[in-house]
Each structure stands twice: as C-alpha cells, then as structure tokens.
Amino acid sequence: MTGSEMHDNGDRALDGLTSWSEDTYATRLSRLKRRRRDVLAVGAALTAFVVAVSAGGAAASIYNDVPGWLRAMIFTLIIVAGSGLAFAWMRFQEESERIEQAIEQRGDLATTLIGNRRLPRHADAFWIVGLVCTGLAPMAFLTAAWCAAF
C-alpha cells in the first residue's frame, strides 16, 4: 500500500464519522490537520483571485467604470474572507498543538475517546465565513465586469 493510498483510506475513515465527540485524540488531530489543509487551499485560491484581479489594466478599467459601493463590496469580501480563513487556521492550529502535547505527555491518549473536549472556539464559524466570502468575491467582481460592460 502506498503512502497516498494510506492517506486516502484515512480520509475516508474520517468521513464516515458522524460526530466529533466520537473521535479519539489521534482521529481529532487528523481531522484538525485536514481542516487546516482545506483552509490553506482556499486561502491560496483567494490569493490567486486577488492577484488576478489586481494585475493589469482590464481590472483597473472595470473598477473605474462601476459604482463605488460595488468596489467597496469586492474589497470587503476579500478582507473578510482572508480574515476568516486566517482566524480559522489559527484556531485549528492551536487545538492541534494542544492535542499533540497531550499525546506526547501520555501516549495512551492517542486511542482514547476525546469525549466532550471542546472543539476549537469559533473555528468552524470563521471557516464558513472565509469560505463563503471567498466564493462571493469573484461573483461580485464578475458582477462589476458586467456592470462595466453596459
């Protein structure tokens, strides 16, 4: 079995869980690491979008031809998306470090159910806000492009 097959099997096993309260410490750590990778991937997409729309004369002419409120909406969505993703990543990272430290101190915790240990505070809310705003920012820019065209 290759490393990618083992990783894929682990991801599928995580997808089958219905509740974070059923996690072992090791499973929770895997979920948190996966969520951090997801946040980084969406952050990379947001960065690519920002670079694409801030470079060149086409974007500048679109921004010049649309109402100020639409430009403000695009920039606000980008800022909120970036902030939400950053806060989510930090929360997932903090919790990962706590669990890693607990497992290092007591190795038997890796297979112990985590139970009611709290999830990273507000991490999912930040993640969802970042994800939604990352999706809305390009749509707002597309709206601006259409407004500028007519």
N, C-alpha and C. Protein backbone atom coordinates (compact mmCIF):
# COMPACT_ATOMS: atom_id res chain seq x y z
N MET A 1 0.84 -1.17 0.00
CA MET A 1 0.00 0.00 0.00
C MET A 1 0.90 1.24 0.00
N THR A 2 0.64 2.17 -0.90
CA THR A 2 1.45 3.37 -1.00
C THR A 2 1.01 4.38 0.03
N GLY A 3 1.84 5.41 0.21
CA GLY A 3 1.51 6.47 1.17
C GLY A 3 0.22 7.19 0.82
N SER A 4 0.00 7.41 -0.48
CA SER A 4 -1.23 8.12 -0.87
C SER A 4 -2.46 7.26 -0.64
N GLU A 5 -2.33 5.93 -0.83
CA GLU A 5 -3.47 5.05 -0.56
C GLU A 5 -3.79 5.03 0.93
N MET A 6 -2.75 5.00 1.77
CA MET A 6 -2.98 5.01 3.21
C MET A 6 -3.63 6.32 3.61
N HIS A 7 -3.17 7.43 3.04
CA HIS A 7 -3.74 8.73 3.37
C HIS A 7 -5.21 8.78 2.93
N ASP A 8 -5.50 8.25 1.74
CA ASP A 8 -6.86 8.25 1.23
C ASP A 8 -7.77 7.40 2.11
N ASN A 9 -7.28 6.23 2.53
CA ASN A 9 -8.09 5.39 3.40
C ASN A 9 -8.36 6.09 4.72
N GLY A 10 -7.39 6.81 5.24
CA GLY A 10 -7.59 7.55 6.48
C GLY A 10 -8.62 8.63 6.32
N ASP A 11 -8.59 9.34 5.20
CA ASP A 11 -9.57 10.38 4.94
C ASP A 11 -10.97 9.80 4.83
N ARG A 12 -11.11 8.64 4.16
CA ARG A 12 -12.42 8.02 4.04
C ARG A 12 -12.93 7.56 5.40
N ALA A 13 -12.04 7.07 6.24
CA ALA A 13 -12.44 6.65 7.58
C ALA A 13 -12.94 7.85 8.37
N LEU A 14 -12.30 8.99 8.20
CA LEU A 14 -12.73 10.19 8.90
C LEU A 14 -14.09 10.66 8.39
N ASP A 15 -14.32 10.52 7.10
CA ASP A 15 -15.60 10.95 6.53
C ASP A 15 -16.76 10.13 7.08
N GLY A 16 -16.50 8.89 7.48
CA GLY A 16 -17.56 8.03 7.99
C GLY A 16 -18.02 8.37 9.38
N LEU A 17 -17.25 9.19 10.10
CA LEU A 17 -17.65 9.54 11.46
C LEU A 17 -18.78 10.55 11.43
N THR A 18 -19.71 10.40 12.35
CA THR A 18 -20.86 11.29 12.34
C THR A 18 -20.72 12.44 13.32
N SER A 19 -19.85 12.29 14.32
CA SER A 19 -19.75 13.32 15.33
C SER A 19 -18.32 13.46 15.80
N TRP A 20 -17.92 14.69 16.04
CA TRP A 20 -16.58 14.93 16.55
C TRP A 20 -16.42 14.35 17.95
N SER A 21 -17.51 14.16 18.68
CA SER A 21 -17.42 13.61 20.03
C SER A 21 -17.06 12.12 20.02
N GLU A 22 -17.15 11.46 18.87
CA GLU A 22 -16.77 10.05 18.75
C GLU A 22 -15.29 9.88 18.43
N ASP A 23 -14.56 10.97 18.28
CA ASP A 23 -13.15 10.93 17.90
C ASP A 23 -12.28 10.41 19.03
N THR A 24 -11.20 9.73 18.63
CA THR A 24 -10.10 9.52 19.55
C THR A 24 -9.21 10.75 19.43
N TYR A 25 -8.25 10.87 20.31
CA TYR A 25 -7.34 12.01 20.22
C TYR A 25 -6.62 12.01 18.88
N ALA A 26 -6.18 10.85 18.42
CA ALA A 26 -5.46 10.76 17.14
C ALA A 26 -6.38 11.12 15.97
N THR A 27 -7.62 10.67 16.01
CA THR A 27 -8.57 10.98 14.94
C THR A 27 -8.87 12.47 14.90
N ARG A 28 -9.07 13.07 16.09
CA ARG A 28 -9.33 14.51 16.14
C ARG A 28 -8.15 15.28 15.56
N LEU A 29 -6.96 14.85 15.90
CA LEU A 29 -5.76 15.51 15.38
C LEU A 29 -5.72 15.41 13.86
N SER A 30 -6.07 14.25 13.31
CA SER A 30 -6.11 14.08 11.85
C SER A 30 -7.16 14.99 11.22
N ARG A 31 -8.31 15.09 11.86
CA ARG A 31 -9.36 15.98 11.32
C ARG A 31 -8.91 17.43 11.33
N LEU A 32 -8.27 17.84 12.42
CA LEU A 32 -7.82 19.22 12.51
C LEU A 32 -6.75 19.53 11.46
N LYS A 33 -5.85 18.58 11.25
CA LYS A 33 -4.82 18.78 10.22
C LYS A 33 -5.44 18.85 8.84
N ARG A 34 -6.44 18.03 8.60
CA ARG A 34 -7.13 18.06 7.30
C ARG A 34 -7.84 19.39 7.11
N ARG A 35 -8.49 19.87 8.17
CA ARG A 35 -9.19 21.16 8.08
C ARG A 35 -8.20 22.29 7.83
N ARG A 36 -7.03 22.23 8.45
CA ARG A 36 -6.01 23.26 8.21
C ARG A 36 -5.57 23.23 6.75
N ARG A 37 -5.41 22.05 6.18
CA ARG A 37 -5.05 21.95 4.75
C ARG A 37 -6.15 22.54 3.88
N ASP A 38 -7.40 22.29 4.24
CA ASP A 38 -8.52 22.86 3.49
C ASP A 38 -8.49 24.39 3.54
N VAL A 39 -8.24 24.93 4.72
CA VAL A 39 -8.18 26.39 4.89
C VAL A 39 -7.05 26.96 4.04
N LEU A 40 -5.90 26.30 4.05
CA LEU A 40 -4.78 26.79 3.24
C LEU A 40 -5.08 26.73 1.75
N ALA A 41 -5.77 25.70 1.31
CA ALA A 41 -6.12 25.58 -0.11
C ALA A 41 -7.07 26.71 -0.53
N VAL A 42 -8.06 26.99 0.29
CA VAL A 42 -9.00 28.07 -0.04
C VAL A 42 -8.28 29.41 0.03
N GLY A 43 -7.37 29.56 1.00
CA GLY A 43 -6.58 30.78 1.08
C GLY A 43 -5.72 30.99 -0.15
N ALA A 44 -5.17 29.90 -0.69
CA ALA A 44 -4.38 30.00 -1.92
C ALA A 44 -5.27 30.43 -3.09
N ALA A 45 -6.48 29.91 -3.14
CA ALA A 45 -7.42 30.31 -4.20
C ALA A 45 -7.78 31.78 -4.07
N LEU A 46 -8.00 32.24 -2.85
CA LEU A 46 -8.30 33.66 -2.62
C LEU A 46 -7.13 34.53 -3.05
N THR A 47 -5.93 34.10 -2.73
CA THR A 47 -4.73 34.85 -3.12
C THR A 47 -4.61 34.92 -4.63
N ALA A 48 -4.85 33.80 -5.31
CA ALA A 48 -4.80 33.79 -6.77
C ALA A 48 -5.84 34.73 -7.36
N PHE A 49 -7.02 34.77 -6.78
CA PHE A 49 -8.05 35.69 -7.25
C PHE A 49 -7.60 37.13 -7.08
N VAL A 50 -7.06 37.47 -5.92
CA VAL A 50 -6.61 38.84 -5.67
C VAL A 50 -5.52 39.24 -6.65
N VAL A 51 -4.58 38.35 -6.89
CA VAL A 51 -3.51 38.65 -7.84
C VAL A 51 -4.09 38.84 -9.24
N ALA A 52 -5.02 37.99 -9.63
CA ALA A 52 -5.59 38.06 -10.97
C ALA A 52 -6.36 39.35 -11.20
N VAL A 53 -7.12 39.79 -10.21
CA VAL A 53 -7.95 40.99 -10.43
C VAL A 53 -7.23 42.29 -10.12
N SER A 54 -6.06 42.19 -9.50
CA SER A 54 -5.35 43.44 -9.20
C SER A 54 -4.26 43.73 -10.22
N ALA A 55 -4.01 42.80 -11.10
CA ALA A 55 -2.96 43.00 -12.10
C ALA A 55 -3.59 43.40 -13.43
N GLY A 56 -2.95 44.30 -14.10
CA GLY A 56 -3.36 44.65 -15.46
C GLY A 56 -4.37 45.77 -15.53
N GLY A 57 -4.50 46.26 -16.74
CA GLY A 57 -5.38 47.38 -17.00
C GLY A 57 -6.85 47.01 -17.06
N ALA A 58 -7.15 45.75 -17.38
CA ALA A 58 -8.56 45.35 -17.50
C ALA A 58 -9.27 45.49 -16.16
N ALA A 59 -8.63 45.02 -15.10
CA ALA A 59 -9.25 45.13 -13.78
C ALA A 59 -9.39 46.59 -13.37
N ALA A 60 -8.37 47.39 -13.66
CA ALA A 60 -8.42 48.81 -13.32
C ALA A 60 -9.56 49.51 -14.05
N SER A 61 -9.77 49.18 -15.32
CA SER A 61 -10.86 49.83 -16.06
C SER A 61 -12.22 49.38 -15.56
N ILE A 62 -12.29 48.11 -15.13
CA ILE A 62 -13.57 47.63 -14.56
C ILE A 62 -13.86 48.41 -13.28
N TYR A 63 -12.86 48.54 -12.41
CA TYR A 63 -13.07 49.26 -11.15
C TYR A 63 -13.42 50.72 -11.38
N ASN A 64 -12.86 51.33 -12.42
CA ASN A 64 -13.15 52.74 -12.70
C ASN A 64 -14.56 52.94 -13.23
N ASP A 65 -15.14 51.91 -13.86
CA ASP A 65 -16.44 52.06 -14.51
C ASP A 65 -17.62 51.59 -13.68
N VAL A 66 -17.39 51.16 -12.45
CA VAL A 66 -18.51 50.67 -11.63
C VAL A 66 -18.71 51.59 -10.44
N PRO A 67 -19.91 51.53 -9.86
CA PRO A 67 -20.18 52.38 -8.69
C PRO A 67 -19.24 52.04 -7.52
N GLY A 68 -19.01 53.03 -6.69
CA GLY A 68 -18.12 52.86 -5.55
C GLY A 68 -18.57 51.78 -4.59
N TRP A 69 -19.89 51.62 -4.43
CA TRP A 69 -20.39 50.60 -3.49
C TRP A 69 -20.01 49.19 -3.93
N LEU A 70 -19.94 48.98 -5.26
CA LEU A 70 -19.58 47.66 -5.77
C LEU A 70 -18.09 47.38 -5.56
N ARG A 71 -17.26 48.42 -5.78
CA ARG A 71 -15.83 48.26 -5.48
C ARG A 71 -15.64 47.97 -4.00
N ALA A 72 -16.35 48.70 -3.17
CA ALA A 72 -16.24 48.50 -1.72
C ALA A 72 -16.68 47.09 -1.32
N MET A 73 -17.73 46.59 -1.97
CA MET A 73 -18.21 45.24 -1.66
C MET A 73 -17.14 44.20 -2.01
N ILE A 74 -16.50 44.35 -3.15
CA ILE A 74 -15.46 43.40 -3.56
C ILE A 74 -14.32 43.41 -2.55
N PHE A 75 -13.84 44.59 -2.20
CA PHE A 75 -12.73 44.68 -1.25
C PHE A 75 -13.14 44.16 0.13
N THR A 76 -14.36 44.46 0.54
CA THR A 76 -14.84 43.97 1.84
C THR A 76 -14.90 42.45 1.86
N LEU A 77 -15.42 41.85 0.81
CA LEU A 77 -15.49 40.39 0.74
C LEU A 77 -14.10 39.77 0.79
N ILE A 78 -13.15 40.38 0.11
CA ILE A 78 -11.78 39.86 0.12
C ILE A 78 -11.19 39.95 1.52
N ILE A 79 -11.37 41.08 2.18
CA ILE A 79 -10.81 41.27 3.53
C ILE A 79 -11.47 40.33 4.53
N VAL A 80 -12.79 40.21 4.47
CA VAL A 80 -13.49 39.32 5.40
C VAL A 80 -13.11 37.87 5.14
N ALA A 81 -12.99 37.49 3.87
CA ALA A 81 -12.58 36.12 3.54
C ALA A 81 -11.20 35.82 4.09
N GLY A 82 -10.26 36.69 3.84
CA GLY A 82 -8.90 36.49 4.33
C GLY A 82 -8.84 36.44 5.84
N SER A 83 -9.56 37.31 6.49
CA SER A 83 -9.58 37.34 7.96
C SER A 83 -10.20 36.07 8.51
N GLY A 84 -11.32 35.66 7.94
CA GLY A 84 -11.98 34.44 8.42
C GLY A 84 -11.09 33.22 8.26
N LEU A 85 -10.44 33.11 7.12
CA LEU A 85 -9.54 31.97 6.89
C LEU A 85 -8.35 32.00 7.85
N ALA A 86 -7.80 33.18 8.08
CA ALA A 86 -6.66 33.29 8.99
C ALA A 86 -7.05 32.90 10.42
N PHE A 87 -8.18 33.42 10.89
CA PHE A 87 -8.63 33.08 12.24
C PHE A 87 -8.96 31.60 12.37
N ALA A 88 -9.59 31.03 11.35
CA ALA A 88 -9.91 29.59 11.38
C ALA A 88 -8.63 28.77 11.45
N TRP A 89 -7.65 29.10 10.62
CA TRP A 89 -6.41 28.34 10.63
C TRP A 89 -5.74 28.43 12.00
N MET A 90 -5.73 29.63 12.58
CA MET A 90 -5.11 29.78 13.89
C MET A 90 -5.81 28.93 14.95
N ARG A 91 -7.13 28.91 14.93
CA ARG A 91 -7.89 28.12 15.91
C ARG A 91 -7.63 26.62 15.73
N PHE A 92 -7.63 26.15 14.48
CA PHE A 92 -7.36 24.73 14.23
C PHE A 92 -5.92 24.39 14.63
N GLN A 93 -5.00 25.30 14.37
CA GLN A 93 -3.60 25.08 14.73
C GLN A 93 -3.44 25.01 16.25
N GLU A 94 -4.05 25.92 16.98
CA GLU A 94 -3.95 25.91 18.44
C GLU A 94 -4.45 24.60 19.03
N GLU A 95 -5.59 24.14 18.54
CA GLU A 95 -6.15 22.89 19.07
C GLU A 95 -5.28 21.70 18.69
N SER A 96 -4.72 21.72 17.49
CA SER A 96 -3.80 20.64 17.08
C SER A 96 -2.61 20.57 18.02
N GLU A 97 -2.07 21.72 18.35
CA GLU A 97 -0.91 21.76 19.25
C GLU A 97 -1.27 21.24 20.64
N ARG A 98 -2.46 21.59 21.14
CA ARG A 98 -2.90 21.10 22.45
C ARG A 98 -3.00 19.57 22.46
N ILE A 99 -3.59 19.02 21.41
CA ILE A 99 -3.76 17.57 21.34
C ILE A 99 -2.41 16.87 21.17
N GLU A 100 -1.54 17.42 20.31
CA GLU A 100 -0.21 16.84 20.15
C GLU A 100 0.55 16.82 21.47
N GLN A 101 0.44 17.90 22.22
CA GLN A 101 1.11 17.98 23.51
C GLN A 101 0.54 16.95 24.49
N ALA A 102 -0.78 16.80 24.51
CA ALA A 102 -1.40 15.82 25.39
C ALA A 102 -0.97 14.40 25.03
N ILE A 103 -0.90 14.09 23.74
CA ILE A 103 -0.47 12.75 23.29
C ILE A 103 1.00 12.52 23.65
N GLU A 104 1.83 13.56 23.51
CA GLU A 104 3.25 13.42 23.89
C GLU A 104 3.40 13.12 25.37
N GLN A 105 2.58 13.77 26.20
CA GLN A 105 2.68 13.57 27.64
C GLN A 105 2.15 12.21 28.06
N ARG A 106 1.09 11.76 27.41
CA ARG A 106 0.50 10.45 27.71
C ARG A 106 0.21 9.76 26.39
N GLY A 107 1.09 8.89 25.96
CA GLY A 107 0.97 8.21 24.68
C GLY A 107 -0.30 7.39 24.54
N ASP A 108 -0.87 6.92 25.64
CA ASP A 108 -2.08 6.11 25.56
C ASP A 108 -3.30 6.93 25.17
N LEU A 109 -3.19 8.25 25.17
CA LEU A 109 -4.32 9.09 24.78
C LEU A 109 -4.67 8.97 23.31
N ALA A 110 -3.71 8.57 22.48
CA ALA A 110 -3.94 8.52 21.04
C ALA A 110 -5.15 7.67 20.69
N THR A 111 -5.38 6.59 21.44
CA THR A 111 -6.51 5.70 21.15
C THR A 111 -7.69 5.92 22.10
N THR A 112 -7.61 6.91 22.95
CA THR A 112 -8.67 7.21 23.90
C THR A 112 -9.69 8.13 23.25
N LEU A 113 -10.97 7.87 23.52
CA LEU A 113 -12.01 8.76 23.01
C LEU A 113 -11.84 10.14 23.62
N ILE A 114 -12.01 11.14 22.79
CA ILE A 114 -11.80 12.51 23.25
C ILE A 114 -13.01 13.01 24.03
N GLY A 115 -14.17 12.44 23.76
CA GLY A 115 -15.37 12.77 24.52
C GLY A 115 -15.86 14.18 24.28
N ASN A 116 -16.13 14.88 25.35
CA ASN A 116 -16.73 16.21 25.24
C ASN A 116 -15.70 17.33 25.19
N ARG A 117 -14.46 17.00 24.92
CA ARG A 117 -13.45 18.07 24.81
C ARG A 117 -13.93 19.03 23.73
N ARG A 118 -13.91 20.29 24.07
CA ARG A 118 -14.48 21.30 23.17
C ARG A 118 -13.74 21.38 21.84
N LEU A 119 -14.48 21.74 20.84
CA LEU A 119 -13.89 21.99 19.53
C LEU A 119 -13.17 23.33 19.58
N PRO A 120 -12.31 23.61 18.62
CA PRO A 120 -11.65 24.92 18.61
C PRO A 120 -12.70 26.03 18.59
N ARG A 121 -12.57 26.95 19.49
CA ARG A 121 -13.57 28.00 19.68
C ARG A 121 -13.76 28.83 18.40
N HIS A 122 -14.96 28.84 17.90
CA HIS A 122 -15.39 29.62 16.73
C HIS A 122 -14.67 29.25 15.43
N ALA A 123 -13.87 28.21 15.42
CA ALA A 123 -13.10 27.87 14.23
C ALA A 123 -14.00 27.56 13.03
N ASP A 124 -15.04 26.78 13.25
CA ASP A 124 -15.93 26.45 12.13
C ASP A 124 -16.66 27.68 11.61
N ALA A 125 -17.05 28.58 12.50
CA ALA A 125 -17.72 29.81 12.06
C ALA A 125 -16.77 30.65 11.19
N PHE A 126 -15.52 30.80 11.65
CA PHE A 126 -14.55 31.54 10.85
C PHE A 126 -14.32 30.86 9.51
N TRP A 127 -14.23 29.53 9.52
CA TRP A 127 -14.01 28.75 8.30
C TRP A 127 -15.15 28.97 7.31
N ILE A 128 -16.38 28.91 7.78
CA ILE A 128 -17.53 29.07 6.89
C ILE A 128 -17.60 30.49 6.35
N VAL A 129 -17.35 31.48 7.19
CA VAL A 129 -17.35 32.87 6.73
C VAL A 129 -16.27 33.06 5.66
N GLY A 130 -15.07 32.54 5.91
CA GLY A 130 -13.99 32.66 4.92
C GLY A 130 -14.33 31.96 3.62
N LEU A 131 -14.91 30.77 3.73
CA LEU A 131 -15.26 30.01 2.53
C LEU A 131 -16.34 30.71 1.71
N VAL A 132 -17.38 31.19 2.38
CA VAL A 132 -18.48 31.86 1.68
C VAL A 132 -18.00 33.16 1.02
N CYS A 133 -17.23 33.95 1.76
CA CYS A 133 -16.75 35.22 1.19
C CYS A 133 -15.75 34.99 0.07
N THR A 134 -14.97 33.91 0.15
CA THR A 134 -14.06 33.58 -0.95
C THR A 134 -14.86 33.23 -2.21
N GLY A 135 -16.01 32.62 -2.05
CA GLY A 135 -16.86 32.33 -3.19
C GLY A 135 -17.60 33.56 -3.71
N LEU A 136 -17.98 34.44 -2.80
CA LEU A 136 -18.75 35.63 -3.21
C LEU A 136 -17.89 36.71 -3.86
N ALA A 137 -16.63 36.82 -3.47
CA ALA A 137 -15.76 37.87 -4.02
C ALA A 137 -15.63 37.78 -5.55
N PRO A 138 -15.34 36.60 -6.11
CA PRO A 138 -15.28 36.53 -7.57
C PRO A 138 -16.64 36.80 -8.24
N MET A 139 -17.71 36.41 -7.57
CA MET A 139 -19.04 36.69 -8.14
C MET A 139 -19.31 38.20 -8.15
N ALA A 140 -18.87 38.90 -7.11
CA ALA A 140 -19.03 40.36 -7.08
C ALA A 140 -18.18 41.00 -8.17
N PHE A 141 -16.98 40.47 -8.37
CA PHE A 141 -16.13 41.01 -9.43
C PHE A 141 -16.74 40.76 -10.80
N LEU A 142 -17.32 39.58 -10.99
CA LEU A 142 -17.99 39.28 -12.25
C LEU A 142 -19.17 40.23 -12.47
N THR A 143 -19.89 40.51 -11.40
CA THR A 143 -20.99 41.49 -11.48
C THR A 143 -20.44 42.85 -11.89
N ALA A 144 -19.30 43.23 -11.32
CA ALA A 144 -18.69 44.51 -11.67
C ALA A 144 -18.28 44.52 -13.15
N ALA A 145 -17.75 43.41 -13.62
CA ALA A 145 -17.36 43.32 -15.03
C ALA A 145 -18.56 43.50 -15.93
N TRP A 146 -19.69 42.90 -15.59
CA TRP A 146 -20.89 43.03 -16.39
C TRP A 146 -21.43 44.47 -16.32
N CYS A 147 -21.38 45.07 -15.14
CA CYS A 147 -21.83 46.46 -15.00
C CYS A 147 -20.96 47.40 -15.85
N ALA A 148 -19.67 47.14 -15.85
CA ALA A 148 -18.74 47.98 -16.63
C ALA A 148 -18.96 47.80 -18.13
N ALA A 149 -19.43 46.61 -18.52
CA ALA A 149 -19.61 46.34 -19.95
C ALA A 149 -20.83 47.06 -20.52
N PHE A 150 -21.78 47.42 -19.68
CA PHE A 150 -23.01 48.04 -20.22
C PHE A 150 -23.18 49.43 -19.75
